[in-house]
Amino acid sequence: LNFNNFVKPDGISIDFDIDPNWSKKYLKGVCIQGGMDP
């Protein structure tokens, strides 16, 4: 959350420890990428 608000990239790739619902709620103004555990 802090990274996204500070850095403001066009897209942010989430790792598999991040709950996608949490990402949807808190990561705003950015295109979300990824998430699924390989």
All heavy atoms as atom14 arrays in JSON, in Angstrom:
{
  "sequence": "LNFNNFVKPDGISIDFDIDPNWSKKYLKGVCIQGGMDP",
  "atom14_mask": [
    [1, 1, 1, 1, 1, 1, 1, 1, 0, 0, 0, 0, 0, 0],
    [1, 1, 1, 1, 1, 1, 1, 1, 0, 0, 0, 0, 0, 0],
    [1, 1, 1, 1, 1, 1, 1, 1, 1, 1, 1, 0, 0, 0],
    [1, 1, 1, 1, 1, 1, 1, 1, 0, 0, 0, 0, 0, 0],
    [1, 1, 1, 1, 1, 1, 1, 1, 0, 0, 0, 0, 0, 0],
    [1, 1, 1, 1, 1, 1, 1, 1, 1, 1, 1, 0, 0, 0],
    [1, 1, 1, 1, 1, 1, 1, 0, 0, 0, 0, 0, 0, 0],
    [1, 1, 1, 1, 1, 1, 1, 1, 1, 0, 0, 0, 0, 0],
    [1, 1, 1, 1, 1, 1, 1, 0, 0, 0, 0, 0, 0, 0],
    [1, 1, 1, 1, 1, 1, 1, 1, 0, 0, 0, 0, 0, 0],
    [1, 1, 1, 1, 0, 0, 0, 0, 0, 0, 0, 0, 0, 0],
    [1, 1, 1, 1, 1, 1, 1, 1, 0, 0, 0, 0, 0, 0],
    [1, 1, 1, 1, 1, 1, 0, 0, 0, 0, 0, 0, 0, 0],
    [1, 1, 1, 1, 1, 1, 1, 1, 0, 0, 0, 0, 0, 0],
    [1, 1, 1, 1, 1, 1, 1, 1, 0, 0, 0, 0, 0, 0],
    [1, 1, 1, 1, 1, 1, 1, 1, 1, 1, 1, 0, 0, 0],
    [1, 1, 1, 1, 1, 1, 1, 1, 0, 0, 0, 0, 0, 0],
    [1, 1, 1, 1, 1, 1, 1, 1, 0, 0, 0, 0, 0, 0],
    [1, 1, 1, 1, 1, 1, 1, 1, 0, 0, 0, 0, 0, 0],
    [1, 1, 1, 1, 1, 1, 1, 0, 0, 0, 0, 0, 0, 0],
    [1, 1, 1, 1, 1, 1, 1, 1, 0, 0, 0, 0, 0, 0],
    [1, 1, 1, 1, 1, 1, 1, 1, 1, 1, 1, 1, 1, 1],
    [1, 1, 1, 1, 1, 1, 0, 0, 0, 0, 0, 0, 0, 0],
    [1, 1, 1, 1, 1, 1, 1, 1, 1, 0, 0, 0, 0, 0],
    [1, 1, 1, 1, 1, 1, 1, 1, 1, 0, 0, 0, 0, 0],
    [1, 1, 1, 1, 1, 1, 1, 1, 1, 1, 1, 1, 0, 0],
    [1, 1, 1, 1, 1, 1, 1, 1, 0, 0, 0, 0, 0, 0],
    [1, 1, 1, 1, 1, 1, 1, 1, 1, 0, 0, 0, 0, 0],
    [1, 1, 1, 1, 0, 0, 0, 0, 0, 0, 0, 0, 0, 0],
    [1, 1, 1, 1, 1, 1, 1, 0, 0, 0, 0, 0, 0, 0],
    [1, 1, 1, 1, 1, 1, 0, 0, 0, 0, 0, 0, 0, 0],
    [1, 1, 1, 1, 1, 1, 1, 1, 0, 0, 0, 0, 0, 0],
    [1, 1, 1, 1, 1, 1, 1, 1, 1, 0, 0, 0, 0, 0],
    [1, 1, 1, 1, 0, 0, 0, 0, 0, 0, 0, 0, 0, 0],
    [1, 1, 1, 1, 0, 0, 0, 0, 0, 0, 0, 0, 0, 0],
    [1, 1, 1, 1, 1, 1, 1, 1, 0, 0, 0, 0, 0, 0],
    [1, 1, 1, 1, 1, 1, 1, 1, 0, 0, 0, 0, 0, 0],
    [1, 1, 1, 1, 1, 1, 1, 0, 0, 0, 0, 0, 0, 0]
  ],
  "atom14_positions": [
    [[0.83, -1.21, 0.0], [0.0, 0.0, 0.0], [0.86, 1.26, 0.0], [0.67, 2.16, -0.82], [-0.92, -0.02, 1.22], [-1.74, 1.26, 1.48], [-2.65, 1.57, 0.31], [-2.55, 1.11, 2.77], [0.0, 0.0, 0.0], [0.0, 0.0, 0.0], [0.0, 0.0, 0.0], [0.0, 0.0, 0.0], [0.0, 0.0, 0.0], [0.0, 0.0, 0.0]],
    [[1.83, 1.31, 0.91], [2.71, 2.48, 0.98], [3.55, 2.61, -0.29], [3.78, 3.72, -0.79], [3.63, 2.38, 2.21], [2.86, 2.47, 3.51], [1.82, 3.13, 3.58], [3.34, 1.81, 4.54], [0.0, 0.0, 0.0], [0.0, 0.0, 0.0], [0.0, 0.0, 0.0], [0.0, 0.0, 0.0], [0.0, 0.0, 0.0], [0.0, 0.0, 0.0]],
    [[4.02, 1.48, -0.8], [4.81, 1.5, -2.03], [3.98, 2.1, -3.17], [4.44, 3.0, -3.88], [5.25, 0.08, -2.4], [6.08, 0.01, -3.65], [7.46, -0.06, -3.58], [5.48, -0.02, -4.92], [8.24, -0.12, -4.73], [6.24, -0.09, -6.07], [7.62, -0.14, -5.98], [0.0, 0.0, 0.0], [0.0, 0.0, 0.0], [0.0, 0.0, 0.0]],
    [[2.76, 1.62, -3.34], [1.92, 2.09, -4.43], [1.61, 3.58, -4.31], [1.66, 4.32, -5.3], [0.63, 1.28, -4.47], [-0.21, 1.59, -5.69], [0.27, 1.5, -6.82], [-1.46, 1.96, -5.47], [0.0, 0.0, 0.0], [0.0, 0.0, 0.0], [0.0, 0.0, 0.0], [0.0, 0.0, 0.0], [0.0, 0.0, 0.0], [0.0, 0.0, 0.0]],
    [[1.31, 4.03, -3.09], [0.98, 5.44, -2.88], [2.19, 6.35, -3.1], [2.05, 7.49, -3.54], [0.43, 5.65, -1.47], [-0.94, 5.01, -1.28], [-1.62, 4.72, -2.26], [-1.34, 4.8, -0.04], [0.0, 0.0, 0.0], [0.0, 0.0, 0.0], [0.0, 0.0, 0.0], [0.0, 0.0, 0.0], [0.0, 0.0, 0.0], [0.0, 0.0, 0.0]],
    [[3.37, 5.85, -2.78], [4.61, 6.64, -2.89], [5.14, 6.63, -4.32], [5.49, 7.67, -4.88], [5.66, 6.07, -1.92], [6.84, 6.97, -1.67], [6.96, 7.66, -0.48], [7.84, 7.11, -2.63], [8.06, 8.48, -0.25], [8.93, 7.93, -2.41], [9.05, 8.62, -1.22], [0.0, 0.0, 0.0], [0.0, 0.0, 0.0], [0.0, 0.0, 0.0]],
    [[5.22, 5.46, -4.92], [5.91, 5.29, -6.21], [4.99, 5.57, -7.39], [5.45, 6.08, -8.43], [6.51, 3.87, -6.3], [7.23, 3.65, -7.62], [7.48, 3.62, -5.13], [0.0, 0.0, 0.0], [0.0, 0.0, 0.0], [0.0, 0.0, 0.0], [0.0, 0.0, 0.0], [0.0, 0.0, 0.0], [0.0, 0.0, 0.0], [0.0, 0.0, 0.0]],
    [[3.71, 5.23, -7.26], [2.71, 5.47, -8.3], [3.11, 4.91, -9.68], [3.15, 5.64, -10.68], [2.41, 6.98, -8.43], [1.76, 7.57, -7.19], [1.47, 9.05, -7.39], [0.63, 9.63, -6.26], [1.28, 9.55, -4.95], [0.0, 0.0, 0.0], [0.0, 0.0, 0.0], [0.0, 0.0, 0.0], [0.0, 0.0, 0.0], [0.0, 0.0, 0.0]],
    [[3.38, 3.63, -9.77], [3.66, 3.03, -11.08], [2.37, 2.88, -11.88], [1.28, 3.02, -11.34], [4.25, 1.66, -10.71], [3.58, 1.32, -9.42], [3.4, 2.62, -8.68], [0.0, 0.0, 0.0], [0.0, 0.0, 0.0], [0.0, 0.0, 0.0], [0.0, 0.0, 0.0], [0.0, 0.0, 0.0], [0.0, 0.0, 0.0], [0.0, 0.0, 0.0]],
    [[2.51, 2.57, -13.17], [1.33, 2.3, -13.99], [0.73, 0.95, -13.62], [-0.49, 0.76, -13.65], [1.7, 2.3, -15.47], [2.25, 3.64, -15.92], [1.5, 4.63, -15.85], [3.42, 3.7, -16.33], [0.0, 0.0, 0.0], [0.0, 0.0, 0.0], [0.0, 0.0, 0.0], [0.0, 0.0, 0.0], [0.0, 0.0, 0.0], [0.0, 0.0, 0.0]],
    [[1.6, -0.01, -13.3], [1.15, -1.33, -12.9], [1.94, -1.81, -11.7], [3.1, -1.43, -11.51], [0.0, 0.0, 0.0], [0.0, 0.0, 0.0], [0.0, 0.0, 0.0], [0.0, 0.0, 0.0], [0.0, 0.0, 0.0], [0.0, 0.0, 0.0], [0.0, 0.0, 0.0], [0.0, 0.0, 0.0], [0.0, 0.0, 0.0], [0.0, 0.0, 0.0]],
    [[1.3, -2.65, -10.89], [2.01, -3.22, -9.74], [1.74, -4.72, -9.72], [0.59, -5.17, -9.82], [1.6, -2.55, -8.41], [2.57, -2.94, -7.29], [0.16, -2.85, -8.03], [2.5, -2.03, -6.08], [0.0, 0.0, 0.0], [0.0, 0.0, 0.0], [0.0, 0.0, 0.0], [0.0, 0.0, 0.0], [0.0, 0.0, 0.0], [0.0, 0.0, 0.0]],
    [[2.81, -5.49, -9.67], [2.71, -6.95, -9.7], [2.68, -7.45, -8.26], [3.59, -7.16, -7.48], [3.91, -7.53, -10.45], [3.59, -8.76, -11.05], [0.0, 0.0, 0.0], [0.0, 0.0, 0.0], [0.0, 0.0, 0.0], [0.0, 0.0, 0.0], [0.0, 0.0, 0.0], [0.0, 0.0, 0.0], [0.0, 0.0, 0.0], [0.0, 0.0, 0.0]],
    [[1.61, -8.17, -7.91], [1.49, -8.66, -6.54], [2.04, -10.08, -6.45], [1.97, -10.85, -7.41], [0.03, -8.61, -6.04], [-0.91, -9.43, -6.94], [-0.44, -7.16, -5.95], [-2.33, -9.57, -6.41], [0.0, 0.0, 0.0], [0.0, 0.0, 0.0], [0.0, 0.0, 0.0], [0.0, 0.0, 0.0], [0.0, 0.0, 0.0], [0.0, 0.0, 0.0]],
    [[2.62, -10.4, -5.31], [3.12, -11.76, -5.12], [2.04, -12.63, -4.5], [0.94, -12.16, -4.18], [4.41, -11.76, -4.3], [4.22, -11.21, -2.88], [3.27, -11.65, -2.2], [5.02, -10.35, -2.45], [0.0, 0.0, 0.0], [0.0, 0.0, 0.0], [0.0, 0.0, 0.0], [0.0, 0.0, 0.0], [0.0, 0.0, 0.0], [0.0, 0.0, 0.0]],
    [[2.34, -13.92, -4.34], [1.3, -14.86, -3.91], [0.98, -14.79, -2.43], [0.07, -15.48, -1.96], [1.66, -16.3, -4.32], [3.08, -16.69, -4.0], [3.45, -17.08, -2.73], [4.06, -16.67, -4.99], [4.74, -17.44, -2.43], [5.37, -17.03, -4.7], [5.71, -17.42, -3.42], [0.0, 0.0, 0.0], [0.0, 0.0, 0.0], [0.0, 0.0, 0.0]],
    [[1.71, -13.95, -1.66], [1.37, -13.75, -0.26], [0.32, -12.65, -0.07], [-0.14, -12.42, 1.05], [2.62, -13.39, 0.55], [3.56, -14.57, 0.72], [3.05, -15.71, 0.78], [4.78, -14.37, 0.78], [0.0, 0.0, 0.0], [0.0, 0.0, 0.0], [0.0, 0.0, 0.0], [0.0, 0.0, 0.0], [0.0, 0.0, 0.0], [0.0, 0.0, 0.0]],
    [[-0.02, -11.96, -1.16], [-0.98, -10.86, -1.08], [-2.38, -11.36, -1.41], [-2.6, -11.98, -2.45], [-0.6, -9.73, -2.07], [0.79, -9.16, -1.74], [-1.65, -8.63, -2.06], [0.88, -8.4, -0.46], [0.0, 0.0, 0.0], [0.0, 0.0, 0.0], [0.0, 0.0, 0.0], [0.0, 0.0, 0.0], [0.0, 0.0, 0.0], [0.0, 0.0, 0.0]],
    [[-3.31, -11.1, -0.52], [-4.71, -11.46, -0.75], [-5.26, -10.58, -1.88], [-5.2, -9.35, -1.78], [-5.51, -11.23, 0.53], [-6.97, -11.64, 0.43], [-7.49, -11.67, -0.7], [-7.58, -11.92, 1.47], [0.0, 0.0, 0.0], [0.0, 0.0, 0.0], [0.0, 0.0, 0.0], [0.0, 0.0, 0.0], [0.0, 0.0, 0.0], [0.0, 0.0, 0.0]],
    [[-5.78, -11.19, -2.95], [-6.28, -10.36, -4.05], [-7.41, -9.41, -3.62], [-7.51, -8.29, -4.14], [-6.77, -11.38, -5.09], [-6.91, -12.67, -4.34], [-5.9, -12.62, -3.25], [0.0, 0.0, 0.0], [0.0, 0.0, 0.0], [0.0, 0.0, 0.0], [0.0, 0.0, 0.0], [0.0, 0.0, 0.0], [0.0, 0.0, 0.0], [0.0, 0.0, 0.0]],
    [[-8.23, -9.83, -2.68], [-9.3, -8.94, -2.19], [-8.73, -7.73, -1.48], [-9.24, -6.62, -1.6], [-10.26, -9.72, -1.28], [-11.14, -10.68, -2.05], [-11.99, -10.27, -2.83], [-10.92, -11.97, -1.85], [0.0, 0.0, 0.0], [0.0, 0.0, 0.0], [0.0, 0.0, 0.0], [0.0, 0.0, 0.0], [0.0, 0.0, 0.0], [0.0, 0.0, 0.0]],
    [[-7.66, -7.94, -0.72], [-6.97, -6.82, -0.07], [-6.42, -5.87, -1.13], [-6.53, -4.65, -1.01], [-5.84, -7.35, 0.83], [-5.08, -6.28, 1.55], [-5.32, -5.79, 2.8], [-3.92, -5.58, 1.07], [-4.4, -4.82, 3.13], [-3.53, -4.67, 2.08], [-3.19, -5.62, -0.12], [-2.44, -3.82, 1.94], [-2.1, -4.76, -0.26], [-1.73, -3.88, 0.75]],
    [[-5.82, -6.44, -2.17], [-5.26, -5.62, -3.25], [-6.32, -4.77, -3.91], [-6.11, -3.58, -4.18], [-4.61, -6.51, -4.32], [-3.59, -7.3, -3.77], [0.0, 0.0, 0.0], [0.0, 0.0, 0.0], [0.0, 0.0, 0.0], [0.0, 0.0, 0.0], [0.0, 0.0, 0.0], [0.0, 0.0, 0.0], [0.0, 0.0, 0.0], [0.0, 0.0, 0.0]],
    [[-7.47, -5.39, -4.17], [-8.56, -4.65, -4.82], [-9.03, -3.49, -3.94], [-9.34, -2.41, -4.45], [-9.71, -5.6, -5.11], [-10.88, -4.94, -5.84], [-11.92, -5.94, -6.25], [-13.02, -5.27, -7.08], [-14.01, -6.24, -7.58], [0.0, 0.0, 0.0], [0.0, 0.0, 0.0], [0.0, 0.0, 0.0], [0.0, 0.0, 0.0], [0.0, 0.0, 0.0]],
    [[-9.05, -3.71, -2.65], [-9.56, -2.7, -1.73], [-8.58, -1.55, -1.53], [-8.99, -0.38, -1.46], [-9.87, -3.35, -0.38], [-10.46, -2.39, 0.65], [-10.82, -3.13, 1.94], [-11.41, -2.17, 2.96], [-11.77, -2.87, 4.22], [0.0, 0.0, 0.0], [0.0, 0.0, 0.0], [0.0, 0.0, 0.0], [0.0, 0.0, 0.0], [0.0, 0.0, 0.0]],
    [[-7.27, -1.85, -1.48], [-6.31, -0.84, -1.05], [-5.38, -0.3, -2.15], [-4.85, 0.81, -2.01], [-5.45, -1.4, 0.09], [-6.21, -1.59, 1.37], [-6.54, -2.86, 1.82], [-6.63, -0.5, 2.13], [-7.26, -3.05, 3.0], [-7.34, -0.67, 3.3], [-7.65, -1.95, 3.74], [-8.37, -2.11, 4.89], [0.0, 0.0, 0.0], [0.0, 0.0, 0.0]],
    [[-5.15, -1.05, -3.2], [-4.22, -0.59, -4.23], [-5.0, 0.15, -5.31], [-5.56, -0.46, -6.22], [-3.43, -1.77, -4.81], [-2.62, -2.59, -3.8], [-1.86, -3.71, -4.5], [-1.66, -1.7, -3.01], [0.0, 0.0, 0.0], [0.0, 0.0, 0.0], [0.0, 0.0, 0.0], [0.0, 0.0, 0.0], [0.0, 0.0, 0.0], [0.0, 0.0, 0.0]],
    [[-5.03, 1.47, -5.2], [-5.87, 2.3, -6.06], [-5.04, 3.01, -7.13], [-3.86, 3.28, -6.95], [-6.61, 3.34, -5.21], [-7.5, 2.75, -4.13], [-8.62, 1.89, -4.73], [-9.59, 1.39, -3.66], [-10.64, 0.53, -4.23], [0.0, 0.0, 0.0], [0.0, 0.0, 0.0], [0.0, 0.0, 0.0], [0.0, 0.0, 0.0], [0.0, 0.0, 0.0]],
    [[-5.71, 3.34, -8.24], [-5.08, 4.12, -9.31], [-3.99, 3.4, -10.05], [-3.12, 4.03, -10.65], [0.0, 0.0, 0.0], [0.0, 0.0, 0.0], [0.0, 0.0, 0.0], [0.0, 0.0, 0.0], [0.0, 0.0, 0.0], [0.0, 0.0, 0.0], [0.0, 0.0, 0.0], [0.0, 0.0, 0.0], [0.0, 0.0, 0.0], [0.0, 0.0, 0.0]],
    [[-4.02, 2.07, -10.01], [-2.95, 1.28, -10.62], [-3.55, 0.02, -11.25], [-4.58, -0.47, -10.79], [-1.89, 0.9, -9.54], [-2.46, -0.08, -8.52], [-0.61, 0.36, -10.17], [0.0, 0.0, 0.0], [0.0, 0.0, 0.0], [0.0, 0.0, 0.0], [0.0, 0.0, 0.0], [0.0, 0.0, 0.0], [0.0, 0.0, 0.0], [0.0, 0.0, 0.0]],
    [[-2.92, -0.46, -12.29], [-3.3, -1.75, -12.86], [-2.6, -2.85, -12.06], [-1.38, -2.82, -11.91], [-2.89, -1.83, -14.33], [-3.11, -3.47, -15.05], [0.0, 0.0, 0.0], [0.0, 0.0, 0.0], [0.0, 0.0, 0.0], [0.0, 0.0, 0.0], [0.0, 0.0, 0.0], [0.0, 0.0, 0.0], [0.0, 0.0, 0.0], [0.0, 0.0, 0.0]],
    [[-3.36, -3.79, -11.55], [-2.78, -4.9, -10.79], [-2.42, -6.04, -11.73], [-3.14, -6.32, -12.69], [-3.74, -5.36, -9.68], [-3.89, -4.25, -8.64], [-3.25, -6.65, -9.02], [-4.93, -4.52, -7.57], [0.0, 0.0, 0.0], [0.0, 0.0, 0.0], [0.0, 0.0, 0.0], [0.0, 0.0, 0.0], [0.0, 0.0, 0.0], [0.0, 0.0, 0.0]],
    [[-1.3, -6.65, -11.47], [-0.82, -7.78, -12.26], [-0.49, -8.94, -11.33], [0.04, -8.76, -10.25], [0.44, -7.36, -13.03], [1.15, -8.52, -13.75], [2.38, -8.08, -14.52], [2.26, -7.59, -15.63], [3.57, -8.24, -13.94], [0.0, 0.0, 0.0], [0.0, 0.0, 0.0], [0.0, 0.0, 0.0], [0.0, 0.0, 0.0], [0.0, 0.0, 0.0]],
    [[-0.8, -10.15, -11.8], [-0.26, -11.35, -11.16], [-0.98, -11.83, -9.93], [-2.16, -11.58, -9.73], [0.0, 0.0, 0.0], [0.0, 0.0, 0.0], [0.0, 0.0, 0.0], [0.0, 0.0, 0.0], [0.0, 0.0, 0.0], [0.0, 0.0, 0.0], [0.0, 0.0, 0.0], [0.0, 0.0, 0.0], [0.0, 0.0, 0.0], [0.0, 0.0, 0.0]],
    [[-0.22, -12.52, -9.1], [-0.73, -13.0, -7.82], [-0.71, -14.5, -7.63], [-0.39, -15.0, -6.56], [0.0, 0.0, 0.0], [0.0, 0.0, 0.0], [0.0, 0.0, 0.0], [0.0, 0.0, 0.0], [0.0, 0.0, 0.0], [0.0, 0.0, 0.0], [0.0, 0.0, 0.0], [0.0, 0.0, 0.0], [0.0, 0.0, 0.0], [0.0, 0.0, 0.0]],
    [[-1.05, -15.26, -8.66], [-1.21, -16.7, -8.46], [0.13, -17.38, -8.16], [1.13, -17.11, -8.81], [-1.85, -17.34, -9.7], [-2.36, -18.74, -9.45], [-3.25, -19.45, -10.86], [-2.01, -20.58, -11.47], [0.0, 0.0, 0.0], [0.0, 0.0, 0.0], [0.0, 0.0, 0.0], [0.0, 0.0, 0.0], [0.0, 0.0, 0.0], [0.0, 0.0, 0.0]],
    [[0.11, -18.26, -7.19], [1.31, -18.98, -6.78], [1.76, -19.91, -7.91], [0.98, -20.77, -8.35], [1.0, -19.79, -5.51], [2.24, -20.34, -4.83], [3.23, -20.61, -5.54], [2.22, -20.51, -3.6], [0.0, 0.0, 0.0], [0.0, 0.0, 0.0], [0.0, 0.0, 0.0], [0.0, 0.0, 0.0], [0.0, 0.0, 0.0], [0.0, 0.0, 0.0]],
    [[3.0, -19.78, -8.4], [3.45, -20.66, -9.48], [3.48, -22.14, -9.11], [3.45, -22.99, -9.99], [4.87, -20.14, -9.8], [5.28, -19.34, -8.61], [4.02, -18.8, -8.01], [0.0, 0.0, 0.0], [0.0, 0.0, 0.0], [0.0, 0.0, 0.0], [0.0, 0.0, 0.0], [0.0, 0.0, 0.0], [0.0, 0.0, 0.0], [0.0, 0.0, 0.0]]
  ]
}
